[in-house]
Amino acid sequence: MAATTNIGWTPLFPRAAAIITDIGAPLSHAAIVARELGIPAVVGCGNATTRLKTGDWVIVDGGQGRVEIVNESQA
């Protein structure tokens, strides 16, 4: 999860289970790299970095553009 990404983030993408960004569109860096690597991504959420916390468990449905919190962190 990040506000946005740029080319410097590319080496980190293969380690990610999913990508969520506050800013972005279908042709943004995050969306394109995630698509190339087959990683689910939801970009342009607007407020993901303020709503999600480290340790939250989420389901990311890139096809529907949905992020669902399934277990909130107690930290």
PDB file of N, CA and C in Angstrom:
ATOM      1  N   MET A   1       0.843  -1.162   0.000  1.00  0.00           N
ATOM      2  CA  MET A   1       0.000   0.000   0.000  1.00  0.00           C
ATOM      3  C   MET A   1       0.895   1.233   0.000  1.00  0.00           C
ATOM      4  N   ALA A   2       0.573   2.169  -0.839  1.00  0.00           N
ATOM      5  CA  ALA A   2       1.338   3.419  -0.934  1.00  0.00           C
ATOM      6  C   ALA A   2       0.442   4.493  -1.525  1.00  0.00           C
ATOM      7  N   ALA A   3       0.808   5.734  -1.293  1.00  0.00           N
ATOM      8  CA  ALA A   3       0.052   6.827  -1.900  1.00  0.00           C
ATOM      9  C   ALA A   3       0.141   6.738  -3.419  1.00  0.00           C
ATOM     10  N   THR A   4       1.344   6.497  -3.921  1.00  0.00           N
ATOM     11  CA  THR A   4       1.587   6.332  -5.342  1.00  0.00           C
ATOM     12  C   THR A   4       2.908   5.578  -5.506  1.00  0.00           C
ATOM     13  N   THR A   5       3.234   5.165  -6.715  1.00  0.00           N
ATOM     14  CA  THR A   5       4.516   4.508  -6.959  1.00  0.00           C
ATOM     15  C   THR A   5       5.200   5.157  -8.151  1.00  0.00           C
ATOM     16  N   ASN A   6       6.473   4.835  -8.299  1.00  0.00           N
ATOM     17  CA  ASN A   6       7.229   5.272  -9.475  1.00  0.00           C
ATOM     18  C   ASN A   6       8.182   4.153  -9.845  1.00  0.00           C
ATOM     19  N   ILE A   7       9.027   4.368 -10.822  1.00  0.00           N
ATOM     20  CA  ILE A   7       9.908   3.310 -11.326  1.00  0.00           C
ATOM     21  C   ILE A   7      10.827   2.742 -10.244  1.00  0.00           C
ATOM     22  N   GLY A   8      11.161   3.517  -9.240  1.00  0.00           N
ATOM     23  CA  GLY A   8      12.013   3.045  -8.159  1.00  0.00           C
ATOM     24  C   GLY A   8      11.390   1.926  -7.332  1.00  0.00           C
ATOM     25  N   TRP A   9      10.086   1.794  -7.371  1.00  0.00           N
ATOM     26  CA  TRP A   9       9.377   0.751  -6.627  1.00  0.00           C
ATOM     27  C   TRP A   9       9.396  -0.599  -7.353  1.00  0.00           C
ATOM     28  N   THR A  10       9.727  -0.608  -8.622  1.00  0.00           N
ATOM     29  CA  THR A  10       9.620  -1.815  -9.445  1.00  0.00           C
ATOM     30  C   THR A  10      10.288  -3.051  -8.834  1.00  0.00           C
ATOM     31  N   PRO A  11      11.494  -2.966  -8.244  1.00  0.00           N
ATOM     32  CA  PRO A  11      12.104  -4.171  -7.665  1.00  0.00           C
ATOM     33  C   PRO A  11      11.320  -4.751  -6.486  1.00  0.00           C
ATOM     34  N   LEU A  12      10.465  -3.958  -5.857  1.00  0.00           N
ATOM     35  CA  LEU A  12       9.695  -4.425  -4.705  1.00  0.00           C
ATOM     36  C   LEU A  12       8.418  -5.165  -5.106  1.00  0.00           C
ATOM     37  N   PHE A  13       7.928  -4.931  -6.290  1.00  0.00           N
ATOM     38  CA  PHE A  13       6.641  -5.503  -6.708  1.00  0.00           C
ATOM     39  C   PHE A  13       6.601  -7.026  -6.660  1.00  0.00           C
ATOM     40  N   PRO A  14       7.638  -7.742  -7.102  1.00  0.00           N
ATOM     41  CA  PRO A  14       7.555  -9.208  -7.064  1.00  0.00           C
ATOM     42  C   PRO A  14       7.376  -9.785  -5.658  1.00  0.00           C
ATOM     43  N   ARG A  15       7.718  -9.042  -4.630  1.00  0.00           N
ATOM     44  CA  ARG A  15       7.539  -9.489  -3.247  1.00  0.00           C
ATOM     45  C   ARG A  15       6.121  -9.256  -2.737  1.00  0.00           C
ATOM     46  N   ALA A  16       5.343  -8.452  -3.428  1.00  0.00           N
ATOM     47  CA  ALA A  16       4.015  -8.064  -2.957  1.00  0.00           C
ATOM     48  C   ALA A  16       2.950  -9.092  -3.338  1.00  0.00           C
ATOM     49  N   ALA A  17       2.028  -9.325  -2.418  1.00  0.00           N
ATOM     50  CA  ALA A  17       0.883 -10.191  -2.705  1.00  0.00           C
ATOM     51  C   ALA A  17      -0.166  -9.418  -3.492  1.00  0.00           C
ATOM     52  N   ALA A  18      -0.201  -8.095  -3.293  1.00  0.00           N
ATOM     53  CA  ALA A  18      -1.151  -7.224  -3.990  1.00  0.00           C
ATOM     54  C   ALA A  18      -0.643  -5.789  -3.895  1.00  0.00           C
ATOM     55  N   ILE A  19      -1.187  -4.922  -4.744  1.00  0.00           N
ATOM     56  CA  ILE A  19      -0.819  -3.509  -4.767  1.00  0.00           C
ATOM     57  C   ILE A  19      -2.073  -2.679  -4.543  1.00  0.00           C
ATOM     58  N   ILE A  20      -1.981  -1.714  -3.621  1.00  0.00           N
ATOM     59  CA  ILE A  20      -3.077  -0.777  -3.356  1.00  0.00           C
ATOM     60  C   ILE A  20      -2.464   0.609  -3.305  1.00  0.00           C
ATOM     61  N   THR A  21      -3.004   1.544  -4.093  1.00  0.00           N
ATOM     62  CA  THR A  21      -2.496   2.919  -4.060  1.00  0.00           C
ATOM     63  C   THR A  21      -3.637   3.909  -3.902  1.00  0.00           C
ATOM     64  N   ASP A  22      -3.319   5.058  -3.310  1.00  0.00           N
ATOM     65  CA  ASP A  22      -4.291   6.141  -3.180  1.00  0.00           C
ATOM     66  C   ASP A  22      -4.521   6.829  -4.523  1.00  0.00           C
ATOM     67  N   ILE A  23      -3.434   7.006  -5.269  1.00  0.00           N
ATOM     68  CA  ILE A  23      -3.479   7.734  -6.537  1.00  0.00           C
ATOM     69  C   ILE A  23      -3.117   6.773  -7.661  1.00  0.00           C
ATOM     70  N   GLY A  24      -3.812   6.853  -8.763  1.00  0.00           N
ATOM     71  CA  GLY A  24      -3.477   6.005  -9.898  1.00  0.00           C
ATOM     72  C   GLY A  24      -4.667   5.795 -10.811  1.00  0.00           C
ATOM     73  N   ALA A  25      -4.393   5.210 -11.947  1.00  0.00           N
ATOM     74  CA  ALA A  25      -5.398   4.939 -12.972  1.00  0.00           C
ATOM     75  C   ALA A  25      -4.958   3.684 -13.721  1.00  0.00           C
ATOM     76  N   PRO A  26      -5.777   3.173 -14.626  1.00  0.00           N
ATOM     77  CA  PRO A  26      -5.410   1.944 -15.338  1.00  0.00           C
ATOM     78  C   PRO A  26      -4.067   1.985 -16.062  1.00  0.00           C
ATOM     79  N   LEU A  27      -3.598   3.157 -16.420  1.00  0.00           N
ATOM     80  CA  LEU A  27      -2.302   3.265 -17.108  1.00  0.00           C
ATOM     81  C   LEU A  27      -1.201   3.808 -16.202  1.00  0.00           C
ATOM     82  N   SER A  28      -1.432   3.809 -14.891  1.00  0.00           N
ATOM     83  CA  SER A  28      -0.400   4.276 -13.964  1.00  0.00           C
ATOM     84  C   SER A  28       0.683   3.220 -13.813  1.00  0.00           C
ATOM     85  N   HIS A  29       1.820   3.641 -13.287  1.00  0.00           N
ATOM     86  CA  HIS A  29       2.951   2.739 -13.097  1.00  0.00           C
ATOM     87  C   HIS A  29       2.548   1.501 -12.303  1.00  0.00           C
ATOM     88  N   ALA A  30       1.884   1.683 -11.174  1.00  0.00           N
ATOM     89  CA  ALA A  30       1.501   0.554 -10.322  1.00  0.00           C
ATOM     90  C   ALA A  30       0.609  -0.434 -11.070  1.00  0.00           C
ATOM     91  N   ALA A  31      -0.360   0.062 -11.796  1.00  0.00           N
ATOM     92  CA  ALA A  31      -1.284  -0.816 -12.515  1.00  0.00           C
ATOM     93  C   ALA A  31      -0.577  -1.597 -13.621  1.00  0.00           C
ATOM     94  N   ILE A  32       0.283  -0.944 -14.355  1.00  0.00           N
ATOM     95  CA  ILE A  32       0.975  -1.600 -15.467  1.00  0.00           C
ATOM     96  C   ILE A  32       1.927  -2.680 -14.967  1.00  0.00           C
ATOM     97  N   VAL A  33       2.745  -2.372 -13.968  1.00  0.00           N
ATOM     98  CA  VAL A  33       3.699  -3.351 -13.462  1.00  0.00           C
ATOM     99  C   VAL A  33       2.965  -4.513 -12.798  1.00  0.00           C
ATOM    100  N   ALA A  34       1.929  -4.228 -12.020  1.00  0.00           N
ATOM    101  CA  ALA A  34       1.152  -5.300 -11.385  1.00  0.00           C
ATOM    102  C   ALA A  34       0.543  -6.216 -12.447  1.00  0.00           C
ATOM    103  N   ARG A  35       0.015  -5.640 -13.498  1.00  0.00           N
ATOM    104  CA  ARG A  35      -0.577  -6.431 -14.583  1.00  0.00           C
ATOM    105  C   ARG A  35       0.474  -7.319 -15.241  1.00  0.00           C
ATOM    106  N   GLU A  36       1.655  -6.771 -15.494  1.00  0.00           N
ATOM    107  CA  GLU A  36       2.733  -7.549 -16.118  1.00  0.00           C
ATOM    108  C   GLU A  36       3.167  -8.716 -15.235  1.00  0.00           C
ATOM    109  N   LEU A  37       3.139  -8.521 -13.916  1.00  0.00           N
ATOM    110  CA  LEU A  37       3.584  -9.551 -12.981  1.00  0.00           C
ATOM    111  C   LEU A  37       2.454 -10.462 -12.501  1.00  0.00           C
ATOM    112  N   GLY A  38       1.223 -10.156 -12.890  1.00  0.00           N
ATOM    113  CA  GLY A  38       0.087 -10.968 -12.459  1.00  0.00           C
ATOM    114  C   GLY A  38      -0.283 -10.767 -11.002  1.00  0.00           C
ATOM    115  N   ILE A  39      -0.005  -9.575 -10.471  1.00  0.00           N
ATOM    116  CA  ILE A  39      -0.314  -9.242  -9.081  1.00  0.00           C
ATOM    117  C   ILE A  39      -1.629  -8.470  -9.052  1.00  0.00           C
ATOM    118  N   PRO A  40      -2.582  -8.845  -8.175  1.00  0.00           N
ATOM    119  CA  PRO A  40      -3.817  -8.059  -8.079  1.00  0.00           C
ATOM    120  C   PRO A  40      -3.505  -6.632  -7.638  1.00  0.00           C
ATOM    121  N   ALA A  41      -4.193  -5.671  -8.223  1.00  0.00           N
ATOM    122  CA  ALA A  41      -3.959  -4.268  -7.878  1.00  0.00           C
ATOM    123  C   ALA A  41      -5.261  -3.487  -7.913  1.00  0.00           C
ATOM    124  N   VAL A  42      -5.388  -2.575  -6.953  1.00  0.00           N
ATOM    125  CA  VAL A  42      -6.465  -1.587  -6.955  1.00  0.00           C
ATOM    126  C   VAL A  42      -5.771  -0.248  -6.771  1.00  0.00           C
ATOM    127  N   VAL A  43      -5.868   0.602  -7.789  1.00  0.00           N
ATOM    128  CA  VAL A  43      -5.205   1.902  -7.764  1.00  0.00           C
ATOM    129  C   VAL A  43      -6.249   3.008  -7.758  1.00  0.00           C
ATOM    130  N   GLY A  44      -5.865   4.162  -7.223  1.00  0.00           N
ATOM    131  CA  GLY A  44      -6.784   5.293  -7.186  1.00  0.00           C
ATOM    132  C   GLY A  44      -7.832   5.171  -6.096  1.00  0.00           C
ATOM    133  N   CYS A  45      -7.495   4.534  -4.985  1.00  0.00           N
ATOM    134  CA  CYS A  45      -8.448   4.346  -3.876  1.00  0.00           C
ATOM    135  C   CYS A  45      -8.777   5.659  -3.171  1.00  0.00           C
ATOM    136  N   GLY A  46      -7.866   6.589  -3.203  1.00  0.00           N
ATOM    137  CA  GLY A  46      -8.118   7.882  -2.571  1.00  0.00           C
ATOM    138  C   GLY A  46      -7.687   7.955  -1.120  1.00  0.00           C
ATOM    139  N   ASN A  47      -8.041   6.950  -0.312  1.00  0.00           N
ATOM    140  CA  ASN A  47      -7.747   7.045   1.115  1.00  0.00           C
ATOM    141  C   ASN A  47      -7.237   5.738   1.729  1.00  0.00           C
ATOM    142  N   ALA A  48      -6.688   4.851   0.947  1.00  0.00           N
ATOM    143  CA  ALA A  48      -6.223   3.562   1.464  1.00  0.00           C
ATOM    144  C   ALA A  48      -5.145   3.733   2.529  1.00  0.00           C
ATOM    145  N   THR A  49      -4.229   4.682   2.346  1.00  0.00           N
ATOM    146  CA  THR A  49      -3.132   4.838   3.302  1.00  0.00           C
ATOM    147  C   THR A  49      -3.612   5.367   4.645  1.00  0.00           C
ATOM    148  N   THR A  50      -4.771   5.981   4.695  1.00  0.00           N
ATOM    149  CA  THR A  50      -5.301   6.436   5.981  1.00  0.00           C
ATOM    150  C   THR A  50      -6.229   5.400   6.607  1.00  0.00           C
ATOM    151  N   ARG A  51      -6.866   4.570   5.808  1.00  0.00           N
ATOM    152  CA  ARG A  51      -7.803   3.567   6.334  1.00  0.00           C
ATOM    153  C   ARG A  51      -7.146   2.258   6.719  1.00  0.00           C
ATOM    154  N   LEU A  52      -6.103   1.851   5.992  1.00  0.00           N
ATOM    155  CA  LEU A  52      -5.441   0.578   6.273  1.00  0.00           C
ATOM    156  C   LEU A  52      -4.237   0.792   7.176  1.00  0.00           C
ATOM    157  N   LYS A  53      -4.021  -0.168   8.082  1.00  0.00           N
ATOM    158  CA  LYS A  53      -2.901  -0.100   9.003  1.00  0.00           C
ATOM    159  C   LYS A  53      -1.996  -1.305   8.798  1.00  0.00           C
ATOM    160  N   THR A  54      -0.732  -1.175   9.168  1.00  0.00           N
ATOM    161  CA  THR A  54       0.185  -2.306   9.127  1.00  0.00           C
ATOM    162  C   THR A  54      -0.412  -3.444   9.945  1.00  0.00           C
ATOM    163  N   GLY A  55      -0.427  -4.621   9.362  1.00  0.00           N
ATOM    164  CA  GLY A  55      -0.972  -5.792  10.046  1.00  0.00           C
ATOM    165  C   GLY A  55      -2.393  -6.127   9.672  1.00  0.00           C
ATOM    166  N   ASP A  56      -3.103  -5.201   8.996  1.00  0.00           N
ATOM    167  CA  ASP A  56      -4.462  -5.504   8.530  1.00  0.00           C
ATOM    168  C   ASP A  56      -4.402  -6.612   7.488  1.00  0.00           C
ATOM    169  N   TRP A  57      -5.360  -7.524   7.533  1.00  0.00           N
ATOM    170  CA  TRP A  57      -5.509  -8.546   6.500  1.00  0.00           C
ATOM    171  C   TRP A  57      -6.595  -8.065   5.559  1.00  0.00           C
ATOM    172  N   VAL A  58      -6.293  -8.070   4.256  1.00  0.00           N
ATOM    173  CA  VAL A  58      -7.251  -7.589   3.267  1.00  0.00           C
ATOM    174  C   VAL A  58      -7.391  -8.578   2.118  1.00  0.00           C
ATOM    175  N   ILE A  59      -8.515  -8.504   1.450  1.00  0.00           N
ATOM    176  CA  ILE A  59      -8.729  -9.214   0.193  1.00  0.00           C
ATOM    177  C   ILE A  59      -8.736  -8.153  -0.895  1.00  0.00           C
ATOM    178  N   VAL A  60      -7.891  -8.338  -1.900  1.00  0.00           N
ATOM    179  CA  VAL A  60      -7.783  -7.373  -3.003  1.00  0.00           C
ATOM    180  C   VAL A  60      -8.332  -8.026  -4.258  1.00  0.00           C
ATOM    181  N   ASP A  61      -9.398  -7.453  -4.798  1.00  0.00           N
ATOM    182  CA  ASP A  61     -10.015  -7.934  -6.033  1.00  0.00           C
ATOM    183  C   ASP A  61      -9.744  -6.894  -7.112  1.00  0.00           C
ATOM    184  N   GLY A  62      -8.655  -7.099  -7.842  1.00  0.00           N
ATOM    185  CA  GLY A  62      -8.265  -6.142  -8.876  1.00  0.00           C
ATOM    186  C   GLY A  62      -9.256  -6.056 -10.014  1.00  0.00           C
ATOM    187  N   GLY A  63      -9.933  -7.162 -10.316  1.00  0.00           N
ATOM    188  CA  GLY A  63     -10.914  -7.164 -11.399  1.00  0.00           C
ATOM    189  C   GLY A  63     -12.127  -6.300 -11.107  1.00  0.00           C
ATOM    190  N   GLN A  64     -12.530  -6.265  -9.845  1.00  0.00           N
ATOM    191  CA  GLN A  64     -13.690  -5.469  -9.438  1.00  0.00           C
ATOM    192  C   GLN A  64     -13.292  -4.128  -8.820  1.00  0.00           C
ATOM    193  N   GLY A  65     -11.984  -3.940  -8.578  1.00  0.00           N
ATOM    194  CA  GLY A  65     -11.526  -2.690  -7.969  1.00  0.00           C
ATOM    195  C   GLY A  65     -11.938  -2.563  -6.513  1.00  0.00           C
ATOM    196  N   ARG A  66     -11.905  -3.695  -5.779  1.00  0.00           N
ATOM    197  CA  ARG A  66     -12.364  -3.697  -4.385  1.00  0.00           C
ATOM    198  C   ARG A  66     -11.265  -4.154  -3.437  1.00  0.00           C
ATOM    199  N   VAL A  67     -11.229  -3.505  -2.278  1.00  0.00           N
ATOM    200  CA  VAL A  67     -10.343  -3.903  -1.181  1.00  0.00           C
ATOM    201  C   VAL A  67     -11.231  -4.096   0.036  1.00  0.00           C
ATOM    202  N   GLU A  68     -11.186  -5.294   0.608  1.00  0.00           N
ATOM    203  CA  GLU A  68     -12.025  -5.606   1.770  1.00  0.00           C
ATOM    204  C   GLU A  68     -11.124  -5.932   2.962  1.00  0.00           C
ATOM    205  N   ILE A  69     -11.325  -5.237   4.064  1.00  0.00           N
ATOM    206  CA  ILE A  69     -10.589  -5.541   5.284  1.00  0.00           C
ATOM    207  C   ILE A  69     -11.257  -6.743   5.935  1.00  0.00           C
ATOM    208  N   VAL A  70     -10.511  -7.837   6.136  1.00  0.00           N
ATOM    209  CA  VAL A  70     -11.099  -9.037   6.734  1.00  0.00           C
ATOM    210  C   VAL A  70     -10.687  -9.204   8.188  1.00  0.00           C
ATOM    211  N   ASN A  71      -9.590  -8.575   8.593  1.00  0.00           N
ATOM    212  CA  ASN A  71      -9.161  -8.647   9.984  1.00  0.00           C
ATOM    213  C   ASN A  71      -8.302  -7.436  10.273  1.00  0.00           C
ATOM    214  N   GLU A  72      -8.819  -6.526  11.111  1.00  0.00           N
ATOM    215  CA  GLU A  72      -8.064  -5.315  11.438  1.00  0.00           C
ATOM    216  C   GLU A  72      -6.997  -5.602  12.490  1.00  0.00           C
ATOM    217  N   SER A  73      -5.832  -4.996  12.297  1.00  0.00           N
ATOM    218  CA  SER A  73      -4.723  -5.132  13.245  1.00  0.00           C
ATOM    219  C   SER A  73      -5.090  -4.475  14.563  1.00  0.00           C
ATOM    220  N   GLN A  74      -4.628  -5.059  15.628  1.00  0.00           N
ATOM    221  CA  GLN A  74      -4.855  -4.478  16.953  1.00  0.00           C
ATOM    222  C   GLN A  74      -3.705  -3.578  17.380  1.00  0.00           C
ATOM    223  N   ALA A  75      -2.723  -3.427  16.510  1.00  0.00           N
ATOM    224  CA  ALA A  75      -1.542  -2.597  16.836  1.00  0.00           C
ATOM    225  C   ALA A  75      -1.867  -1.133  16.813  1.00  0.00           C
TER     226      ALA A  75
END
